[in-house]
């Protein structure tokens, strides 16, 4: 019986190979998205362990946050950029879920992100989400939720107007581009809660600041922020 199972597994792998999203190698466990080599290549920041880390400093004097974290350092032409590209533009939601699980484990062990009531994915403009088919931040949240046992709150925070890409804008232009873009449909749901706002990449923090500003208008709300990657400017 075991021999038959091995033959079936080998045949299935021949026609539907399970390969590493990072390098294409087939030397990986069935439930992993990355091989051991690529896992070891990921540039973890360890920010979650430390107060006043570089992500938290982004928001100094801008909005009051309880704690913030980015799981990885972002650099161009890197493995991480390839993985985020796979998530955002190649419909590879599995890698987003997988990296969300990784970040969730980090936050759990840090001790600084305890007692979170909801994970809130930074919302996309509805037309953009329909075109992509999903919100990448929500996929990351789903992976985090699996590990942290914290529910994902979708649909209460919405992006009410289209904004241009932030890529070539400096900090002031980024803020002006997203100011007033977000609205909370039912603030009562968030009253007195601890919210972890999640996105894929943080650069200047303008978009997260705009969304966080709206969230913090809710009475007695504590705001935490987490992103997969930190792209230093």
Protein backbone atom coordinates (compact mmCIF):
# COMPACT_ATOMS: atom_id res chain seq x y z
CA UNK A 1 0.00 0.00 0.00
CA UNK A 2 2.80 2.43 0.91
CA UNK A 3 4.52 1.63 -2.40
CA UNK A 4 1.34 2.51 -4.30
CA UNK A 5 1.07 5.79 -2.39
CA UNK A 6 4.68 6.65 -3.26
CA UNK A 7 4.07 5.87 -6.94
CA UNK A 8 0.92 8.02 -6.97
CA UNK A 9 2.72 10.88 -5.20
CA UNK A 10 5.63 10.74 -7.63
CA UNK A 11 3.30 10.68 -10.65
CA UNK A 12 1.28 13.61 -9.29
CA UNK A 13 4.48 15.58 -8.68
CA UNK A 14 5.61 14.90 -12.25
CA UNK A 15 2.51 16.52 -13.76
CA UNK A 16 1.78 19.04 -10.99
CA UNK A 17 5.16 19.85 -9.45
CA UNK A 18 5.21 21.63 -6.09
CA UNK A 19 8.11 24.04 -6.42
CA UNK A 20 9.63 26.84 -4.38
CA UNK A 21 8.08 30.23 -5.17
CA UNK A 22 11.47 31.83 -4.63
CA UNK A 23 13.86 29.79 -6.78
CA UNK A 24 11.80 27.09 -8.47
CA UNK A 25 13.48 24.20 -6.67
CA UNK A 26 11.34 21.13 -5.95
CA UNK A 27 13.35 20.36 -2.81
CA UNK A 28 10.78 21.54 -0.30
CA UNK A 29 8.20 20.12 2.04
CA UNK A 30 4.71 19.70 0.69
CA UNK A 31 3.16 22.31 3.00
CA UNK A 32 5.88 24.94 2.41
CA UNK A 33 5.97 27.64 -0.25
CA UNK A 34 9.74 28.18 0.04
CA UNK A 35 12.71 25.84 0.15
CA UNK A 36 15.10 25.93 3.11
CA UNK A 37 17.63 27.94 1.12
CA UNK A 38 15.13 30.70 0.33
CA UNK A 39 13.74 30.68 3.88
CA UNK A 40 17.27 31.27 5.16
CA UNK A 41 17.76 34.09 2.63
CA UNK A 42 14.80 36.13 3.88
CA UNK A 43 16.05 39.30 5.66
CA UNK A 44 14.13 39.35 8.95
CA UNK A 45 14.23 42.66 10.82
CA UNK A 46 13.49 41.54 14.40
CA UNK A 47 11.73 44.90 14.87
CA UNK A 48 8.89 43.29 16.83
CA UNK A 49 11.20 42.72 19.78
CA UNK A 50 12.15 46.38 20.22
CA UNK A 51 10.48 49.62 21.27
CA UNK A 52 11.25 52.65 19.11
CA UNK A 53 12.22 50.51 16.14
CA UNK A 54 12.54 52.13 12.67
CA UNK A 55 8.89 51.50 11.75
CA UNK A 56 7.62 53.06 14.97
CA UNK A 57 9.87 56.07 14.40
CA UNK A 58 8.14 56.70 11.06
CA UNK A 59 5.00 57.67 12.96
CA UNK A 60 6.59 59.79 15.66
CA UNK A 61 4.79 63.13 15.79
CA UNK A 62 2.23 61.92 13.24
CA UNK A 63 -0.17 59.46 14.87
CA UNK A 64 -0.09 57.71 18.26
CA UNK A 65 0.54 53.99 17.79
CA UNK A 66 1.06 51.36 20.47
CA UNK A 67 3.59 49.28 18.54
CA UNK A 68 4.65 48.65 14.94
CA UNK A 69 6.60 46.01 13.04
CA UNK A 70 7.85 45.01 9.59
CA UNK A 71 8.85 41.40 9.15
CA UNK A 72 11.49 41.85 6.41
CA UNK A 73 13.84 44.43 4.95
CA UNK A 74 12.87 45.31 1.37
CA UNK A 75 15.42 45.92 -1.37
CA UNK A 76 15.09 46.05 -5.15
CA UNK A 77 15.90 42.96 -7.22
CA UNK A 78 15.74 40.85 -4.06
CA UNK A 79 14.04 37.56 -3.24
CA UNK A 80 11.51 39.44 -1.13
CA UNK A 81 10.62 41.80 -3.98
CA UNK A 82 10.04 38.75 -6.19
CA UNK A 83 7.75 37.16 -3.58
CA UNK A 84 5.70 40.34 -3.09
CA UNK A 85 5.42 40.69 -6.88
CA UNK A 86 4.12 37.12 -7.02
CA UNK A 87 1.50 38.00 -4.41
CA UNK A 88 0.36 41.31 -5.89
CA UNK A 89 0.52 40.70 -9.63
CA UNK A 90 0.73 36.94 -10.28
CA UNK A 91 -2.29 35.74 -8.25
CA UNK A 92 -0.04 33.78 -5.91
CA UNK A 93 -2.12 34.15 -2.79
CA UNK A 94 -0.50 31.07 -1.24
CA UNK A 95 2.81 32.90 -0.76
CA UNK A 96 0.99 35.82 0.88
CA UNK A 97 -0.78 33.50 3.30
CA UNK A 98 2.50 31.69 4.02
CA UNK A 99 4.40 34.91 4.77
CA UNK A 100 1.46 36.11 6.86
CA UNK A 101 1.87 32.99 8.97
CA UNK A 102 5.56 33.79 9.38
CA UNK A 103 4.79 37.32 10.56
CA UNK A 104 2.05 36.08 12.87
CA UNK A 105 4.51 33.75 14.61
CA UNK A 106 6.95 36.63 15.08
CA UNK A 107 4.30 38.86 16.65
CA UNK A 108 3.15 36.11 18.98
CA UNK A 109 6.63 35.48 20.32
CA UNK A 110 7.48 39.17 20.71
CA UNK A 111 5.03 39.74 23.57
CA UNK A 112 4.38 43.29 22.33
CA UNK A 113 1.32 42.48 20.21
CA UNK A 114 -0.80 40.64 22.74
CA UNK A 115 -4.55 41.19 23.17
CA UNK A 116 -5.20 42.29 19.58
CA UNK A 117 -8.96 42.25 18.92
CA UNK A 118 -8.98 42.54 15.13
CA UNK A 119 -6.63 42.34 12.18
CA UNK A 120 -7.60 45.07 9.70
CA UNK A 121 -6.14 44.86 6.17
CA UNK A 122 -5.40 48.22 4.60
CA UNK A 123 -8.24 48.44 2.06
CA UNK A 124 -7.79 48.82 -1.67
CA UNK A 125 -10.00 51.03 -3.80
CA UNK A 126 -12.92 48.74 -4.82
CA UNK A 127 -12.26 48.94 -8.58
CA UNK A 128 -8.62 48.02 -8.02
CA UNK A 129 -9.55 45.08 -5.80
CA UNK A 130 -12.06 43.81 -8.36
CA UNK A 131 -9.44 44.03 -11.09
CA UNK A 132 -6.82 42.18 -9.01
CA UNK A 133 -9.36 39.75 -7.60
CA UNK A 134 -8.29 40.16 -3.98
CA UNK A 135 -6.65 42.52 -1.51
CA UNK A 136 -3.09 41.36 -0.84
CA UNK A 137 -3.22 42.83 2.69
CA UNK A 138 -6.27 40.66 3.42
CA UNK A 139 -4.40 37.56 2.24
CA UNK A 140 -1.53 38.40 4.62
CA UNK A 141 -4.07 38.91 7.42
CA UNK A 142 -5.60 35.50 6.74
CA UNK A 143 -2.21 33.86 7.28
CA UNK A 144 -1.63 35.87 10.45
CA UNK A 145 -5.09 34.99 11.74
CA UNK A 146 -4.39 31.29 11.32
CA UNK A 147 -1.41 31.58 13.69
CA UNK A 148 -2.56 34.31 16.07
CA UNK A 149 -6.18 33.18 16.40
CA UNK A 150 -7.35 36.76 15.90
CA UNK A 151 -10.27 37.51 13.54
CA UNK A 152 -9.82 39.51 10.35
CA UNK A 153 -12.21 42.47 10.10
CA UNK A 154 -13.06 43.05 6.43
CA UNK A 155 -15.41 45.66 5.04
CA UNK A 156 -15.68 48.07 7.97
CA UNK A 157 -12.76 50.25 6.87
CA UNK A 158 -13.13 51.24 3.24
CA UNK A 159 -11.17 53.24 0.69
CA UNK A 160 -13.68 55.71 -0.71
CA UNK A 161 -11.72 57.30 -3.52
CA UNK A 162 -9.12 56.31 -6.08
CA UNK A 163 -5.54 57.47 -5.47
CA UNK A 164 -2.62 57.58 -7.86
CA UNK A 165 0.37 55.31 -7.34
CA UNK A 166 2.68 56.48 -4.57
CA UNK A 167 5.87 55.13 -6.15
CA UNK A 168 7.40 58.36 -7.49
CA UNK A 169 5.99 60.77 -4.94
CA UNK A 170 7.89 62.28 -2.02
CA UNK A 171 6.49 62.25 1.52
CA UNK A 172 4.34 65.39 1.32
CA UNK A 173 2.88 64.41 -2.04
CA UNK A 174 2.11 60.93 -0.72
CA UNK A 175 0.17 62.35 2.21
CA UNK A 176 -1.77 64.79 0.00
CA UNK A 177 -2.55 61.92 -2.38
CA UNK A 178 -4.21 59.75 0.28
CA UNK A 179 -5.61 62.31 2.74
CA UNK A 180 -9.31 61.70 3.30
CA UNK A 181 -9.28 58.44 1.33
CA UNK A 182 -10.52 56.20 4.13
CA UNK A 183 -13.75 55.94 6.11
CA UNK A 184 -14.96 53.69 8.95
CA UNK A 185 -18.49 52.45 8.22
CA UNK A 186 -19.37 51.34 11.76
CA UNK A 187 -17.13 52.90 14.46
CA UNK A 188 -19.10 51.18 17.25
CA UNK A 189 -17.53 47.85 16.25
CA UNK A 190 -14.07 49.30 16.90
CA UNK A 191 -14.82 51.26 20.08
CA UNK A 192 -12.40 50.31 22.86
CA UNK A 193 -10.64 47.74 20.68
CA UNK A 194 -6.99 47.07 19.89
CA UNK A 195 -6.57 47.05 16.11
CA UNK A 196 -3.64 45.74 14.09
CA UNK A 197 -3.58 47.53 10.73
CA UNK A 198 -1.76 45.43 8.11
CA UNK A 199 -0.20 46.18 4.71
CA UNK A 200 2.43 44.63 2.45
CA UNK A 201 5.14 47.32 2.28
CA UNK A 202 5.81 50.52 4.22
CA UNK A 203 7.99 53.30 2.81
CA UNK A 204 7.05 56.75 4.12
CA UNK A 205 3.98 55.45 5.95
CA UNK A 206 1.68 58.08 4.39
CA UNK A 207 -1.08 55.65 3.41
CA UNK A 208 -1.04 53.85 6.74
CA UNK A 209 -1.02 57.22 8.50
CA UNK A 210 -4.09 58.36 6.56
CA UNK A 211 -5.97 55.17 7.42
CA UNK A 212 -4.73 55.21 11.01
CA UNK A 213 -5.85 58.82 11.45
CA UNK A 214 -9.38 57.80 10.54
CA UNK A 215 -9.30 54.74 12.82
CA UNK A 216 -8.06 56.79 15.76
CA UNK A 217 -11.18 58.97 15.63
CA UNK A 218 -12.93 56.00 17.26
CA UNK A 219 -13.21 56.29 21.05
CA UNK A 220 -10.60 54.45 23.12
CA UNK A 221 -9.02 52.64 20.14
CA UNK A 222 -5.45 51.35 20.35
CA UNK A 223 -3.63 51.18 17.02
CA UNK A 224 -0.91 48.72 16.08
CA UNK A 225 0.71 48.49 12.63
CA UNK A 226 2.42 45.60 10.85
CA UNK A 227 3.74 45.18 7.31
CA UNK A 228 5.56 42.39 5.54
CA UNK A 229 8.35 44.66 4.38
CA UNK A 230 10.12 47.89 5.31
CA UNK A 231 11.50 49.86 2.40
CA UNK A 232 13.77 52.54 3.83
CA UNK A 233 13.85 55.90 2.03
